[in-house]
Structures are given as C-alpha cells and as structure tokens.
N, C-alpha and C. Protein backbone atom coordinates (compact mmCIF):
# COMPACT_ATOMS: atom_id res chain seq x y z
N MET A 1 -3.54 -18.90 6.53
CA MET A 1 -4.56 -18.08 6.08
C MET A 1 -5.96 -18.49 6.37
N THR A 2 -6.76 -17.88 6.90
CA THR A 2 -7.92 -18.26 6.87
C THR A 2 -9.04 -17.55 6.07
N VAL A 3 -10.30 -17.87 6.29
CA VAL A 3 -11.19 -17.27 5.26
C VAL A 3 -11.70 -15.75 5.69
N LYS A 4 -11.37 -15.45 6.95
CA LYS A 4 -11.63 -14.27 7.28
C LYS A 4 -10.46 -13.21 7.30
N SER A 5 -9.59 -13.74 6.35
CA SER A 5 -8.35 -12.85 6.25
C SER A 5 -8.41 -11.96 4.72
N LYS A 6 -8.22 -10.77 4.90
CA LYS A 6 -8.05 -10.16 3.84
C LYS A 6 -6.93 -10.46 2.77
N VAL A 7 -6.01 -11.14 3.41
CA VAL A 7 -4.95 -11.82 2.26
C VAL A 7 -5.56 -12.99 1.80
N PHE A 8 -6.33 -13.65 2.33
CA PHE A 8 -6.84 -14.76 1.47
C PHE A 8 -7.83 -14.49 0.20
N TRP A 9 -8.74 -13.34 0.52
CA TRP A 9 -9.43 -12.99 -0.69
C TRP A 9 -8.90 -12.30 -1.66
N THR A 10 -7.68 -11.43 -1.16
CA THR A 10 -7.10 -10.63 -2.07
C THR A 10 -6.24 -11.97 -3.21
N PHE A 11 -5.72 -12.87 -2.51
CA PHE A 11 -4.91 -13.92 -3.13
C PHE A 11 -5.96 -14.54 -4.12
N LEU A 12 -7.27 -14.83 -3.70
CA LEU A 12 -8.01 -15.44 -4.56
C LEU A 12 -8.57 -14.61 -5.54
N SER A 13 -8.73 -13.18 -5.49
CA SER A 13 -9.09 -12.47 -6.34
C SER A 13 -7.98 -12.22 -7.64
N PHE A 14 -6.86 -12.10 -7.18
CA PHE A 14 -5.44 -12.40 -8.04
C PHE A 14 -5.54 -13.44 -8.67
N LEU A 15 -5.82 -14.79 -8.44
CA LEU A 15 -6.03 -15.95 -8.63
C LEU A 15 -6.70 -16.04 -9.94
N ALA A 16 -8.21 -15.37 -9.68
CA ALA A 16 -9.25 -15.44 -10.76
C ALA A 16 -8.49 -14.67 -11.69
N PHE A 17 -8.19 -13.38 -11.76
CA PHE A 17 -7.70 -12.78 -12.62
C PHE A 17 -6.65 -13.25 -13.50
N LEU A 18 -5.56 -14.16 -12.63
CA LEU A 18 -4.44 -14.78 -13.48
C LEU A 18 -4.88 -15.86 -14.45
N LEU A 19 -6.18 -16.59 -13.54
CA LEU A 19 -6.59 -17.68 -14.67
C LEU A 19 -7.38 -17.06 -15.95
N PHE A 20 -7.96 -15.97 -15.67
CA PHE A 20 -8.75 -15.45 -16.87
C PHE A 20 -7.56 -15.05 -17.85
N ILE A 21 -6.32 -14.38 -17.59
CA ILE A 21 -5.43 -13.96 -18.51
C ILE A 21 -4.80 -15.46 -19.22
N VAL A 22 -4.69 -16.45 -18.22
CA VAL A 22 -4.06 -17.73 -19.01
C VAL A 22 -5.15 -18.03 -20.10
N ALA A 23 -6.41 -18.32 -19.51
CA ALA A 23 -7.56 -18.73 -20.40
C ALA A 23 -7.48 -18.05 -21.84
N ILE A 24 -7.16 -16.88 -21.75
CA ILE A 24 -7.33 -16.08 -22.89
C ILE A 24 -6.18 -16.08 -23.84
N TYR A 25 -4.91 -16.11 -23.34
CA TYR A 25 -3.73 -16.26 -23.87
C TYR A 25 -3.67 -18.02 -24.67
N THR A 26 -4.03 -18.70 -23.72
CA THR A 26 -3.94 -20.33 -24.05
C THR A 26 -5.15 -20.83 -24.96
N LYS A 27 -6.19 -19.58 -24.94
CA LYS A 27 -7.42 -20.09 -25.61
C LYS A 27 -8.41 -21.19 -25.05
N LEU A 28 -7.93 -21.59 -23.94
CA LEU A 28 -8.74 -22.68 -23.01
C LEU A 28 -10.05 -21.89 -22.27
N TYR A 29 -11.00 -21.66 -23.34
CA TYR A 29 -12.04 -20.91 -22.87
C TYR A 29 -13.08 -21.56 -21.68
N TRP A 30 -12.64 -23.06 -21.72
CA TRP A 30 -13.45 -23.87 -20.64
C TRP A 30 -12.89 -23.28 -19.04
N LEU A 31 -11.51 -22.63 -18.90
CA LEU A 31 -11.08 -22.63 -17.85
C LEU A 31 -11.85 -21.18 -17.10
N ASN A 32 -12.85 -20.34 -18.25
CA ASN A 32 -13.36 -19.32 -17.67
C ASN A 32 -14.52 -19.75 -16.53
N ILE A 33 -14.56 -20.98 -16.65
CA ILE A 33 -15.95 -21.27 -15.74
C ILE A 33 -15.36 -21.36 -14.29
N PHE A 34 -14.15 -21.61 -14.18
CA PHE A 34 -13.52 -21.62 -12.73
C PHE A 34 -13.17 -20.23 -12.44
N VAL A 35 -12.88 -19.46 -13.30
CA VAL A 35 -12.83 -18.10 -13.05
C VAL A 35 -14.10 -17.38 -12.42
N ILE A 36 -15.24 -17.71 -13.41
CA ILE A 36 -16.68 -17.20 -12.98
C ILE A 36 -16.83 -17.83 -11.51
N VAL A 37 -16.44 -18.91 -11.21
CA VAL A 37 -16.82 -19.55 -9.69
C VAL A 37 -16.18 -18.59 -8.78
N LEU A 38 -14.78 -18.57 -9.11
CA LEU A 38 -13.93 -17.63 -8.13
C LEU A 38 -14.40 -16.31 -7.74
N GLY A 39 -14.88 -15.67 -9.07
CA GLY A 39 -15.39 -14.26 -8.95
C GLY A 39 -16.51 -14.19 -8.18
N LEU A 40 -17.25 -14.82 -8.47
CA LEU A 40 -18.71 -14.92 -7.63
C LEU A 40 -18.31 -15.21 -6.19
N LEU A 41 -17.48 -16.09 -5.89
CA LEU A 41 -17.15 -16.20 -4.34
C LEU A 41 -16.67 -15.35 -3.90
N VAL A 42 -15.79 -14.81 -4.42
CA VAL A 42 -15.10 -13.39 -3.97
C VAL A 42 -16.16 -12.28 -3.60
N ASN A 43 -16.98 -12.17 -4.64
CA ASN A 43 -17.88 -10.92 -4.77
C ASN A 43 -19.24 -11.26 -3.56
N LYS A 44 -19.44 -12.59 -3.27
CA LYS A 44 -20.64 -12.72 -2.30
C LYS A 44 -20.12 -12.96 -0.75
N GLN A 45 -18.83 -13.43 -0.84
CA GLN A 45 -18.19 -13.80 0.49
C GLN A 45 -16.95 -12.79 0.99
N GLY A 46 -16.33 -12.38 0.08
CA GLY A 46 -15.05 -11.49 0.17
C GLY A 46 -15.41 -10.11 0.15
N THR A 47 -16.22 -9.67 -0.20
CA THR A 47 -16.27 -8.09 -0.52
C THR A 47 -16.40 -7.58 0.75
N SER A 48 -17.23 -8.06 1.90
CA SER A 48 -17.35 -7.63 3.05
C SER A 48 -16.08 -7.40 3.88
N ILE A 49 -15.21 -8.53 3.45
CA ILE A 49 -13.52 -8.36 4.09
C ILE A 49 -12.89 -7.46 3.45
N LEU A 50 -12.83 -7.34 2.25
CA LEU A 50 -12.03 -6.43 1.31
C LEU A 50 -12.19 -4.93 1.38
N PHE A 51 -13.57 -4.62 1.08
CA PHE A 51 -14.13 -3.42 1.01
C PHE A 51 -15.20 -2.99 2.13
N PRO A 52 -14.68 -2.89 3.33
CA PRO A 52 -15.77 -2.79 4.51
C PRO A 52 -15.95 -1.27 4.37
N LYS A 53 -15.35 -0.45 4.24
CA LYS A 53 -15.54 1.10 4.40
C LYS A 53 -16.39 1.64 2.76
N TYR A 54 -16.43 0.63 2.02
CA TYR A 54 -17.44 1.10 0.73
C TYR A 54 -18.76 0.48 1.05
N LEU A 55 -18.76 -0.47 1.64
CA LEU A 55 -20.07 -1.20 2.03
C LEU A 55 -20.78 -0.27 3.04
N GLU A 56 -19.95 0.38 3.77
CA GLU A 56 -20.52 1.37 5.22
C GLU A 56 -20.94 2.47 4.25
N LYS A 57 -20.40 2.99 3.32
CA LYS A 57 -20.83 4.15 2.59
C LYS A 57 -21.91 3.85 1.67
N LYS A 58 -22.00 2.64 1.15
CA LYS A 58 -23.38 2.29 0.35
C LYS A 58 -24.46 2.09 1.23
N LYS A 59 -24.09 1.54 2.48
CA LYS A 59 -25.39 1.49 3.30
C LYS A 59 -25.69 2.98 3.69
N LEU A 60 -24.96 3.69 4.18
CA LEU A 60 -25.64 5.06 4.51
C LEU A 60 -26.30 5.81 3.39
N ALA A 61 -25.56 5.65 2.18
CA ALA A 61 -26.42 6.20 1.12
C ALA A 61 -27.86 5.52 0.78
N SER A 62 -27.55 4.32 0.95
CA SER A 62 -29.04 3.56 0.89
C SER A 62 -30.17 4.15 1.73
N GLU A 63 -29.78 4.51 3.00
CA GLU A 63 -30.65 4.84 4.17
C GLU A 63 -31.12 6.43 3.76
N LYS A 64 -30.13 6.95 3.20
CA LYS A 64 -30.38 8.42 3.11
C LYS A 64 -31.51 8.63 2.14
N MET A 65 -31.26 7.69 0.81
CA MET A 65 -32.26 7.48 -0.19
C MET A 65 -33.61 6.83 0.49
N LYS A 66 -33.66 6.37 1.28
CA LYS A 66 -34.79 5.62 1.54
C LYS A 66 -35.49 6.98 2.70
N ALA A 67 -34.69 7.64 3.51
CA ALA A 67 -35.30 8.81 4.19
C ALA A 67 -35.91 9.72 3.34
N LEU A 68 -34.94 9.92 2.26
CA LEU A 68 -35.47 10.82 1.34
C LEU A 68 -37.02 10.46 0.57
N HIS A 69 -36.97 9.34 0.07
CA HIS A 69 -38.04 8.92 -0.62
C HIS A 69 -39.23 8.82 0.31
N GLN A 70 -39.05 8.46 1.46
CA GLN A 70 -40.23 8.62 2.54
C GLN A 70 -40.52 9.90 2.88
N SER A 71 -39.82 10.91 2.80
CA SER A 71 -40.00 12.34 3.10
C SER A 71 -40.67 12.90 2.24
N ARG A 72 -40.80 12.46 0.98
CA ARG A 72 -41.45 13.18 -0.34
C ARG A 72 -42.90 12.46 -0.32
N GLY A 73 -43.00 11.68 0.54
CA GLY A 73 -44.42 10.90 0.65
C GLY A 73 -44.74 10.10 -0.47
N LYS A 74 -43.66 9.43 -1.36
CA LYS A 74 -43.97 8.37 -2.16
C LYS A 74 -44.06 6.99 -2.08
C-alpha cells in the first residue's frame, strides 16, 4: 500500500473510526488523541484521493459563486 492509494486512506479512516469506538466502549478517552490526529491526517492528505469528484464539484461551485459575485459588482 502506498500513500497515494485509495485503499490506504480508506483503511486509515476505518482505523480511526474503530479506535474511536474502542475508546468509547473502554472509556480510554486519551485514545481519542490518536483518533483526532488520524482524522486530521485523512482530512488534509487523503481527501483529494478519496473524493476527487466531490472536490472538483466544490471547485466549480466556488468558481461560479466568484463569477456571480463579480458580475453583481460587489
């Protein structure tokens, strides 16, 4: 598994979820520190690999909003 792999980022996000569930059931709340770190890592680094179509749609919508905002002269 490479860092550019969709499987890697999917596994990492499921690992974060499982650690979160374990932390709640075992009441080891300090374990949530690792969950937060993994979640932020997936969010910052893995989102472009996991959700490329969503990011493209979001970019197009942002460009449309900028164009609309500029056309109104504000």
